[in-house]
Amino acid sequence: MDPRRLFGSTGDEIVDHTLQELIALYERVFPGRVWGYFLEGSHADQTALATSDVDLIFVFKDGFADDAERERAKTIGEQFNATVLPEIDIGFVEENQIIRAVPPSLKLGSTLLYGEPIPDGWPLVSVAEWGRERMHASYWLMTKVFGRPDFVSLPRDYPKPEADFYGYTERTVRLPEGNEAASTRDLLRVMGWAGTALVARLGGQIVARKQECHLLYRQAVGDGWSAFFESLYAKCREEWHYRIPAAPDARAELTQICQQALAFENHFLGIYRDFLLAELSEADEPEKLHALWVQQRISFRDPEVIGAVRLLSTSADEPLKQVALALLPGFEKPK
């Protein structure tokens, strides 16, 4: 096979040429190590905007040999991305991670650019497991992406209450002309992941493509937040193309969307709290351990959550007991 000949296309010759160079680079550095290179997101379904980034997933055969190989793969991608337009967002997954449960965006929403396709025998992740993963991931992103302290207490405040758009638009987007500007990309990303989590958790459906989130949210969940997701997509992506609008009326609309975003975050976190309590009390040991792992990194300062962790600290299951005991001091509020 020749990595200079892609199996699929973004519909843009310049972007395709950039991806050919990137794939050829990885084939040289990691010969025989990558199962397949997959295109996801708007470039996969050819709905990309001039400000859209390129979403890629590289599936490594078996798994990374060690942490050094993992870091090398990541560093090479970051260095390449710094030199090109549009921006490229590379995710790495390992064959041994997905052979029993392939993520929806990869199984249902991707285009193979080079390598081997995902075998039909590799099953799609279950709705229940996908919902569990998205719930934890959304909780994580709401804190990490917006630079909040590593704990949660309700009600949550804005990331930066005094900033324009309350700190939701800090991430820059690389514009076609090469300069960078503040954007709504992280706002859409974080709210979209949370919406995807609720579609799975409450609606029993899987969102395979992020452009479908607002549609499936109304269909599968259909609560009072459906209009928020529709407005978020229609305005921030379709009308403003992730950029911060200049017109006063449009900026007022974005301010209102950001105000709704905080209210939705608190809505989501209330549901997450109940989910977390169920995971800590009713789930199997691997799920309990994963929930505790998340709490080690971002603690939910809630009396019932603390009580559930304290109960696990007396468990007859030694691994659960030790992790819970180590976690309890982390719930103390910093002075």
Protein backbone atom coordinates (compact mmCIF):
# COMPACT_ATOMS: atom_id res chain seq x y z
CA MET A 1 0.00 0.00 0.00
CA ASP A 2 1.07 3.55 -0.68
CA PRO A 3 0.21 6.09 2.07
CA ARG A 4 0.24 8.81 -0.56
CA ARG A 5 -2.97 7.30 -1.96
CA LEU A 6 -5.84 7.77 0.47
CA PHE A 7 -8.79 5.38 0.50
CA GLY A 8 -11.18 8.20 1.44
CA SER A 9 -11.35 11.95 0.96
CA THR A 10 -12.33 15.08 2.83
CA GLY A 11 -13.51 16.64 -0.42
CA ASP A 12 -10.74 19.22 -0.15
CA GLU A 13 -7.56 18.57 -2.16
CA ILE A 14 -5.37 20.69 0.10
CA VAL A 15 -6.58 18.95 3.27
CA ASP A 16 -6.22 15.55 1.59
CA HIS A 17 -2.61 16.36 0.67
CA THR A 18 -1.86 17.38 4.27
CA LEU A 19 -3.33 14.12 5.55
CA GLN A 20 -1.27 12.14 3.03
CA GLU A 21 1.88 13.76 4.42
CA LEU A 22 0.81 13.08 8.01
CA ILE A 23 0.01 9.42 7.37
CA ALA A 24 3.25 8.91 5.43
CA LEU A 25 5.12 10.38 8.42
CA TYR A 26 3.53 7.92 10.86
CA GLU A 27 4.12 5.03 8.48
CA ARG A 28 7.83 5.91 8.43
CA VAL A 29 8.16 6.39 12.18
CA PHE A 30 5.87 3.51 13.22
CA PRO A 31 6.17 0.93 10.40
CA GLY A 32 3.56 -1.78 10.72
CA ARG A 33 2.25 -0.38 14.01
CA VAL A 34 -0.92 1.43 12.94
CA TRP A 35 -3.96 -0.67 12.09
CA GLY A 36 -5.84 2.15 10.38
CA TYR A 37 -6.14 5.92 10.05
CA PHE A 38 -9.72 7.12 10.35
CA LEU A 39 -11.33 10.48 9.60
CA GLU A 40 -14.22 11.61 11.83
CA GLY A 41 -16.37 14.69 12.29
CA SER A 42 -17.36 17.27 9.72
CA HIS A 43 -14.56 16.45 7.28
CA ALA A 44 -15.74 12.83 7.22
CA ASP A 45 -19.25 13.81 6.13
CA GLN A 46 -17.99 16.82 4.14
CA THR A 47 -19.89 19.43 6.14
CA ALA A 48 -16.70 21.16 7.33
CA LEU A 49 -16.44 24.92 7.71
CA ALA A 50 -13.37 27.03 7.01
CA THR A 51 -12.80 27.12 10.79
CA SER A 52 -13.39 23.39 11.37
CA ASP A 53 -10.53 21.27 12.59
CA VAL A 54 -9.80 17.80 11.23
CA ASP A 55 -10.67 14.94 13.59
CA LEU A 56 -8.52 11.83 13.17
CA ILE A 57 -8.34 8.53 15.01
CA PHE A 58 -5.25 6.34 14.71
CA VAL A 59 -5.74 2.74 15.82
CA PHE A 60 -2.47 1.18 16.99
CA LYS A 61 -2.12 -2.58 16.55
CA ASP A 62 -2.43 -4.54 19.79
CA GLY A 63 -1.49 -1.57 21.99
CA PHE A 64 1.32 0.84 22.57
CA ALA A 65 4.51 -1.00 23.40
CA ASP A 66 5.17 1.36 26.32
CA ASP A 67 4.59 4.91 27.52
CA ALA A 68 7.52 6.12 25.42
CA GLU A 69 5.86 4.97 22.20
CA ARG A 70 2.60 6.58 23.26
CA GLU A 71 4.30 9.90 24.01
CA ARG A 72 6.27 9.80 20.78
CA ALA A 73 3.09 9.28 18.76
CA LYS A 74 1.45 12.19 20.53
CA THR A 75 4.44 14.51 20.19
CA ILE A 76 4.85 13.87 16.47
CA GLY A 77 1.20 14.75 15.91
CA GLU A 78 1.46 17.95 17.94
CA GLN A 79 4.58 19.05 16.06
CA PHE A 80 2.99 18.38 12.69
CA ASN A 81 -0.23 20.15 13.66
CA ALA A 82 1.66 23.30 14.63
CA THR A 83 2.82 23.75 11.03
CA VAL A 84 -0.38 23.23 9.03
CA LEU A 85 -3.89 24.49 8.35
CA PRO A 86 -6.55 23.47 9.15
CA GLU A 87 -5.89 22.33 12.71
CA ILE A 88 -5.65 18.58 13.17
CA ASP A 89 -6.96 16.84 16.28
CA ILE A 90 -5.48 13.33 16.54
CA GLY A 91 -6.84 10.75 18.93
CA PHE A 92 -5.05 7.46 19.55
CA VAL A 93 -6.78 4.22 20.46
CA GLU A 94 -5.39 0.74 20.88
CA GLU A 95 -6.68 -2.38 19.21
CA ASN A 96 -6.83 -4.25 22.50
CA GLN A 97 -9.02 -1.46 23.95
CA ILE A 98 -11.67 -1.46 21.24
CA ILE A 99 -11.75 -5.03 19.93
CA ARG A 100 -14.67 -5.81 22.29
CA ALA A 101 -16.39 -2.41 22.16
CA VAL A 102 -15.80 0.05 19.34
CA PRO A 103 -16.75 3.72 20.01
CA PRO A 104 -19.72 4.91 17.92
CA SER A 105 -17.85 7.71 16.15
CA LEU A 106 -15.30 5.16 14.91
CA LYS A 107 -17.70 2.30 14.12
CA LEU A 108 -20.53 4.36 12.62
CA GLY A 109 -19.23 7.84 11.82
CA SER A 110 -15.74 7.48 10.40
CA THR A 111 -14.08 7.21 6.99
CA LEU A 112 -11.04 4.97 6.52
CA LEU A 113 -8.18 6.98 5.04
CA TYR A 114 -5.48 4.31 5.03
CA GLY A 115 -4.82 0.89 6.53
CA GLU A 116 -7.35 -1.75 7.50
CA PRO A 117 -11.05 -1.16 8.20
CA ILE A 118 -12.66 -1.94 11.54
CA PRO A 119 -13.71 -5.60 11.26
CA ASP A 120 -17.42 -6.28 11.29
CA GLY A 121 -16.83 -8.71 14.13
CA TRP A 122 -15.69 -5.93 16.47
CA PRO A 123 -18.97 -4.97 18.16
CA LEU A 124 -20.28 -1.50 18.79
CA VAL A 125 -20.06 -0.42 22.43
CA SER A 126 -23.34 -0.95 24.28
CA VAL A 127 -25.59 2.02 24.97
CA ALA A 128 -25.19 1.47 28.71
CA GLU A 129 -21.39 1.43 28.56
CA TRP A 130 -21.31 4.38 26.17
CA GLY A 131 -23.57 6.36 28.48
CA ARG A 132 -21.34 5.53 31.46
CA GLU A 133 -18.20 6.63 29.61
CA ARG A 134 -19.79 9.86 28.37
CA MET A 135 -21.16 10.78 31.79
CA HIS A 136 -17.73 10.57 33.40
CA ALA A 137 -16.02 12.24 30.42
CA SER A 138 -18.45 15.17 30.42
CA TYR A 139 -17.98 15.69 34.17
CA TRP A 140 -14.22 15.72 33.52
CA LEU A 141 -14.41 18.14 30.58
CA MET A 142 -16.63 20.66 32.38
CA THR A 143 -13.83 21.12 34.88
CA LYS A 144 -10.66 20.62 32.85
CA VAL A 145 -11.51 22.39 29.60
CA PHE A 146 -12.68 25.56 31.33
CA GLY A 147 -9.82 25.65 33.85
CA ARG A 148 -11.90 25.23 36.98
CA PRO A 149 -10.59 23.94 40.34
CA ASP A 150 -10.46 20.15 40.66
CA PHE A 151 -13.63 19.82 42.69
CA VAL A 152 -17.35 20.27 42.06
CA SER A 153 -19.97 21.70 44.36
CA LEU A 154 -23.49 22.69 43.44
CA PRO A 155 -24.56 25.13 42.27
CA ARG A 156 -21.55 25.64 40.04
CA ASP A 157 -20.50 29.14 38.95
CA TYR A 158 -19.16 30.34 35.61
CA PRO A 159 -15.55 29.45 34.73
CA LYS A 160 -14.65 33.19 34.81
CA PRO A 161 -17.63 35.21 36.06
CA GLU A 162 -16.08 38.59 35.23
CA ALA A 163 -14.83 37.71 31.73
CA ASP A 164 -16.54 38.29 28.42
CA PHE A 165 -18.87 35.36 27.85
CA TYR A 166 -17.98 34.13 31.36
CA GLY A 167 -14.86 32.19 30.33
CA TYR A 168 -16.59 29.82 27.90
CA THR A 169 -14.79 31.23 24.83
CA GLU A 170 -11.14 31.13 25.91
CA ARG A 171 -10.02 28.59 23.32
CA THR A 172 -8.66 30.08 20.13
CA VAL A 173 -9.38 28.86 16.64
CA ARG A 174 -6.80 29.05 13.87
CA LEU A 175 -8.35 31.06 11.04
CA PRO A 176 -7.79 30.35 7.33
CA GLU A 177 -5.56 33.40 7.03
CA GLY A 178 -3.28 31.94 9.73
CA ASN A 179 -4.01 34.13 12.75
CA GLU A 180 -5.88 32.97 15.84
CA ALA A 181 -9.04 34.29 17.49
CA ALA A 182 -11.22 33.38 20.47
CA SER A 183 -13.90 30.88 19.59
CA THR A 184 -16.94 28.96 20.80
CA ARG A 185 -15.40 25.60 19.87
CA ASP A 186 -14.93 24.40 23.46
CA LEU A 187 -18.42 25.59 24.37
CA LEU A 188 -19.89 23.37 21.67
CA ARG A 189 -17.54 20.53 22.49
CA VAL A 190 -18.28 20.34 26.21
CA MET A 191 -22.02 20.92 25.96
CA GLY A 192 -22.18 18.46 23.07
CA TRP A 193 -20.44 15.72 25.05
CA ALA A 194 -22.83 16.27 27.96
CA GLY A 195 -25.79 16.18 25.59
CA THR A 196 -24.46 12.96 24.07
CA ALA A 197 -24.17 11.49 27.57
CA LEU A 198 -27.79 12.29 28.38
CA VAL A 199 -29.01 10.97 25.03
CA ALA A 200 -27.43 7.64 25.95
CA ARG A 201 -28.20 7.68 29.67
CA LEU A 202 -31.77 8.99 29.54
CA GLY A 203 -32.79 8.33 25.95
CA GLY A 204 -31.12 4.99 25.27
CA GLN A 205 -29.62 6.14 21.96
CA ILE A 206 -26.11 6.64 20.65
CA VAL A 207 -24.90 9.81 18.94
CA ALA A 208 -22.42 8.68 16.27
CA ARG A 209 -21.77 12.12 14.73
CA LYS A 210 -21.56 15.30 16.76
CA GLN A 211 -23.67 17.16 14.17
CA GLU A 212 -26.57 14.89 15.19
CA CYS A 213 -26.50 15.70 18.90
CA HIS A 214 -29.09 18.50 18.86
CA LEU A 215 -31.43 16.41 16.70
CA LEU A 216 -31.19 13.25 18.80
CA TYR A 217 -31.42 15.22 22.03
CA ARG A 218 -34.89 16.46 21.12
CA GLN A 219 -35.90 13.04 19.82
CA ALA A 220 -34.49 10.88 22.64
CA VAL A 221 -34.59 13.18 25.68
CA GLY A 222 -36.98 15.92 24.65
CA ASP A 223 -36.83 17.95 27.85
CA GLY A 224 -36.61 21.71 28.28
CA TRP A 225 -32.99 21.77 27.07
CA SER A 226 -33.71 20.75 23.49
CA ALA A 227 -34.00 24.37 22.34
CA PHE A 228 -30.67 25.20 23.99
CA PHE A 229 -28.87 22.55 21.94
CA GLU A 230 -30.58 23.66 18.75
CA SER A 231 -29.63 27.28 19.38
CA LEU A 232 -26.05 26.33 20.27
CA TYR A 233 -25.66 24.48 16.97
CA ALA A 234 -27.51 26.96 14.77
CA LYS A 235 -25.78 30.04 16.10
CA CYS A 236 -22.29 29.05 17.24
CA ARG A 237 -21.54 26.65 14.41
CA GLU A 238 -23.80 27.34 11.47
CA GLU A 239 -24.14 31.14 11.68
CA TRP A 240 -20.98 32.32 13.45
CA HIS A 241 -18.68 29.46 12.34
CA TYR A 242 -17.21 29.13 15.85
CA ARG A 243 -16.06 32.76 15.81
CA ILE A 244 -17.08 35.40 18.34
CA PRO A 245 -19.58 37.65 16.57
CA ALA A 246 -18.88 41.38 16.31
CA ALA A 247 -22.42 42.75 16.03
CA PRO A 248 -23.89 43.88 19.39
CA ASP A 249 -27.14 41.96 18.89
CA ALA A 250 -25.25 38.76 18.09
CA ARG A 251 -22.93 39.22 21.07
CA ALA A 252 -25.99 39.60 23.27
CA GLU A 253 -27.29 36.30 21.85
CA LEU A 254 -23.97 34.61 22.63
CA THR A 255 -24.06 36.00 26.17
CA GLN A 256 -27.52 34.50 26.62
CA ILE A 257 -26.31 31.14 25.26
CA CYS A 258 -23.45 31.19 27.78
CA GLN A 259 -25.89 31.95 30.59
CA GLN A 260 -27.96 28.97 29.50
CA ALA A 261 -24.78 26.89 29.36
CA LEU A 262 -24.17 27.40 33.08
CA ALA A 263 -27.76 26.47 33.88
CA PHE A 264 -27.41 23.34 31.74
CA GLU A 265 -24.14 22.44 33.46
CA ASN A 266 -25.89 22.52 36.83
CA HIS A 267 -28.74 20.47 35.38
CA PHE A 268 -26.28 17.90 34.05
CA LEU A 269 -24.28 17.79 37.28
CA GLY A 270 -27.44 17.07 39.25
CA ILE A 271 -28.05 14.05 37.01
CA TYR A 272 -24.38 13.10 37.22
CA ARG A 273 -24.57 13.17 41.01
CA ASP A 274 -27.37 10.58 40.99
CA PHE A 275 -25.47 8.53 38.40
CA LEU A 276 -22.31 8.66 40.51
CA LEU A 277 -24.14 7.54 43.64
CA ALA A 278 -25.57 4.59 41.71
CA GLU A 279 -22.11 3.70 40.37
CA LEU A 280 -20.58 3.80 43.85
CA SER A 281 -23.32 1.72 45.45
CA GLU A 282 -24.78 -0.59 42.79
CA ALA A 283 -22.25 -1.10 39.98
CA ASP A 284 -19.78 -3.97 39.63
CA GLU A 285 -16.27 -3.61 41.02
CA PRO A 286 -14.60 -2.30 37.79
CA GLU A 287 -17.21 0.44 37.46
CA LYS A 288 -16.91 1.35 41.13
CA LEU A 289 -13.13 1.55 40.82
CA HIS A 290 -13.42 3.74 37.74
CA ALA A 291 -15.86 6.08 39.51
CA LEU A 292 -13.40 6.34 42.41
CA TRP A 293 -10.57 7.01 39.94
CA VAL A 294 -12.55 9.93 38.52
CA GLN A 295 -13.25 11.21 42.02
CA GLN A 296 -9.56 11.07 42.90
CA ARG A 297 -9.01 13.66 40.18
CA ILE A 298 -12.15 15.79 40.47
CA SER A 299 -14.02 15.35 43.73
CA PHE A 300 -17.76 15.96 43.97
CA ARG A 301 -18.22 17.82 47.24
CA ASP A 302 -21.61 16.39 48.17
CA PRO A 303 -22.56 14.79 51.51
CA GLU A 304 -24.15 11.72 49.94
CA VAL A 305 -21.21 11.16 47.60
CA ILE A 306 -18.80 11.44 50.52
CA GLY A 307 -20.99 9.04 52.48
CA ALA A 308 -20.91 6.52 49.61
CA VAL A 309 -17.11 6.72 49.45
CA ARG A 310 -16.87 6.39 53.22
CA LEU A 311 -19.02 3.24 53.04
CA LEU A 312 -16.70 1.77 50.41
CA SER A 313 -13.76 2.49 52.72
CA THR A 314 -15.16 -0.24 55.02
CA SER A 315 -15.70 -2.71 52.18
CA ALA A 316 -14.55 -6.31 52.41
CA ASP A 317 -13.25 -5.85 48.87
CA GLU A 318 -9.66 -4.83 49.59
CA PRO A 319 -8.95 -2.90 46.32
CA LEU A 320 -12.14 -0.85 46.74
CA LYS A 321 -11.41 -0.26 50.39
CA GLN A 322 -7.87 1.00 49.80
CA VAL A 323 -8.83 3.34 46.94
CA ALA A 324 -11.75 4.75 48.95
CA LEU A 325 -9.55 5.31 52.00
CA ALA A 326 -7.00 7.15 49.89
CA LEU A 327 -9.74 9.26 48.33
CA LEU A 328 -11.50 10.51 51.47
CA PRO A 329 -8.96 13.25 52.39
CA GLY A 330 -9.42 14.73 48.90
CA PHE A 331 -12.97 15.77 49.74
CA GLU A 332 -11.71 18.29 52.26
CA LYS A 333 -12.12 21.79 50.83
CA PRO A 334 -8.88 23.67 50.27
CA LYS A 335 -8.30 26.52 52.72
